[in-house]
Protein backbone atom coordinates (compact mmCIF):
# COMPACT_ATOMS: atom_id res chain seq x y z
CA MET A 1 -6.73 -22.21 -40.56
CA GLU A 2 -9.03 -20.87 -38.30
CA GLU A 3 -9.05 -17.09 -38.01
CA LYS A 4 -8.01 -16.07 -34.14
CA LYS A 5 -10.48 -13.46 -32.65
CA CYS A 6 -9.74 -11.06 -29.97
CA LEU A 7 -10.19 -12.13 -26.38
CA GLU A 8 -11.58 -8.51 -25.44
CA CYS A 9 -13.44 -7.04 -28.37
CA GLY A 10 -13.75 -10.46 -30.83
CA LYS A 11 -11.97 -8.61 -33.82
CA PRO A 12 -9.42 -10.92 -35.99
CA VAL A 13 -5.90 -11.00 -34.42
CA PHE A 14 -3.07 -10.94 -37.10
CA GLY A 15 0.54 -11.32 -36.71
CA ARG A 16 2.18 -13.64 -33.95
CA ARG A 17 0.80 -17.49 -33.92
CA ASP A 18 0.38 -16.74 -29.88
CA LYS A 19 -1.30 -13.54 -30.17
CA LYS A 20 -4.20 -12.62 -28.18
CA PHE A 21 -5.55 -9.16 -28.56
CA CYS A 22 -5.86 -7.10 -31.53
CA ASP A 23 -4.10 -4.11 -30.03
CA ASP A 24 -2.49 -2.79 -26.65
CA GLN A 25 -5.80 -1.28 -25.59
CA CYS A 26 -7.92 -4.34 -25.62
CA ARG A 27 -4.88 -6.33 -24.34
CA ASN A 28 -4.90 -3.57 -20.92
CA THR A 29 -8.88 -3.42 -20.74
CA TYR A 30 -9.00 -6.99 -20.68
CA ASN A 31 -6.16 -7.55 -18.05
CA ASN A 32 -7.95 -4.70 -16.21
CA LYS A 33 -11.33 -6.62 -15.84
CA GLN A 34 -9.56 -9.63 -14.88
CA ASN A 35 -7.71 -7.90 -12.00
CA ALA A 36 -10.63 -5.15 -10.92
CA ASP A 37 -11.82 -7.14 -7.77
CA SER A 38 -8.25 -7.25 -5.74
CA ASN A 39 -6.82 -4.45 -7.27
CA ASN A 40 -10.00 -2.25 -5.53
CA TYR A 41 -8.92 -4.12 -2.42
CA VAL A 42 -5.17 -3.78 -2.76
CA ARG A 43 -5.92 -0.03 -3.38
CA ASN A 44 -7.74 0.36 -0.77
CA VAL A 45 -5.43 -0.76 1.71
CA HIS A 46 -2.74 1.05 0.05
CA ASN A 47 -4.65 3.97 0.48
CA ILE A 48 -5.01 3.74 3.98
CA LEU A 49 -1.26 2.80 4.65
CA ARG A 50 -0.11 6.01 2.74
CA LYS A 51 -2.74 8.30 4.74
CA ASN A 52 -1.43 6.51 8.02
CA ARG A 53 2.23 7.51 6.66
CA ARG A 54 1.30 11.02 5.75
CA ILE A 55 -0.07 11.22 9.33
CA LEU A 56 2.82 9.77 11.00
CA GLU A 57 5.19 12.22 8.73
CA GLU A 58 3.27 15.20 10.08
CA LEU A 59 3.37 14.54 13.75
CA ASN A 60 7.33 13.37 13.88
CA PRO A 61 8.98 16.00 11.66
CA LYS A 62 12.34 15.72 13.33
CA GLY A 63 12.21 11.67 13.23
CA LYS A 64 11.51 11.45 16.93
CA SER A 65 8.20 12.76 19.37
CA LYS A 66 5.63 11.73 21.22
CA THR A 67 1.67 12.11 20.53
CA SER A 68 -1.52 10.97 22.00
CA ARG A 69 -4.17 8.57 20.66
CA SER A 70 -6.85 11.21 20.37
CA LYS A 71 -4.40 13.04 17.93
CA LEU A 72 -3.62 10.35 15.93
CA ASN A 73 -7.78 9.29 15.74
CA GLU A 74 -8.38 12.87 15.05
CA LYS A 75 -6.22 13.00 11.99
CA GLY A 76 -7.98 9.43 11.10
CA PHE A 77 -4.98 7.06 11.83
CA ASP A 78 -6.25 3.28 11.20
CA PHE A 79 -4.50 1.38 13.92
CA ASN A 80 -5.63 -1.85 12.08
CA TYR A 81 -3.13 -1.24 9.08
CA HIS A 82 0.98 -1.39 8.86
CA THR A 83 3.51 -2.60 6.99
CA SER A 84 5.93 -4.29 9.51
CA THR A 85 6.59 -4.65 13.29
CA TYR A 86 9.71 -4.70 15.28
CA THR A 87 10.53 -6.16 18.40
CA THR A 88 13.46 -4.81 20.76
CA LYS A 89 15.12 -7.16 22.68
CA ALA A 90 13.60 -5.67 25.70
CA GLY A 91 10.03 -6.76 24.52
CA ALA A 92 8.60 -3.51 23.03
CA THR A 93 7.24 -3.76 19.91
CA TYR A 94 7.20 -0.99 16.75
CA PHE A 95 4.33 -0.52 14.46
CA PHE A 96 5.63 1.02 10.94
CA CYS A 97 3.85 2.56 8.09
CA TYR A 98 6.54 2.17 5.92
CA GLU A 99 9.79 3.97 7.68
CA TYR A 100 7.66 5.92 10.01
CA GLY A 101 6.57 4.21 13.35
CA TYR A 102 5.02 4.27 16.42
CA LEU A 103 5.19 2.92 19.61
CA PRO A 104 2.34 2.37 22.33
CA ILE A 105 3.78 3.95 25.48
CA GLU A 106 1.96 5.16 29.12
CA GLY A 107 -1.39 5.58 28.89
CA ASP A 108 -2.99 6.70 25.54
CA TYR A 109 0.50 8.01 24.26
CA PHE A 110 2.72 6.93 21.66
CA ALA A 111 6.66 7.57 20.98
CA LEU A 112 6.78 8.19 17.33
CA VAL A 113 10.07 7.44 15.35
CA LYS A 114 11.68 7.31 11.60
CA LYS A 115 14.03 4.28 10.60
CA GLN A 116 17.32 5.55 9.61
CA GLU A 117 18.23 3.05 6.80
CA TYR A 118 20.88 3.58 4.86
CA VAL A 119 20.73 2.22 0.92
CA ASN A 120 23.71 1.79 -1.16
């Protein structure tokens, strides 16, 4: 019978017939290498979304407020990233970063809102 080798370090693998790695560290290292490129992209997008959410949360402590585009830009808000949209029956489109959202209104101003969902 041929001796199986760890896919990460090349050491002999003992145990189950379908085992591919000698230990958890090698398995984790191998999988992290395989997913590195996509993980970096996902990590960067997630960081932008979290920053946008923090900015909206900071500017909207009471659940409803109004702010300017310049204030959002000053804090580093990125308008290209949001998690969802909601269009009202009147046709207004809210952009959300998780539970915090904004609606473009007159001029360079935005109405800020917080979703009030009740999860059971």
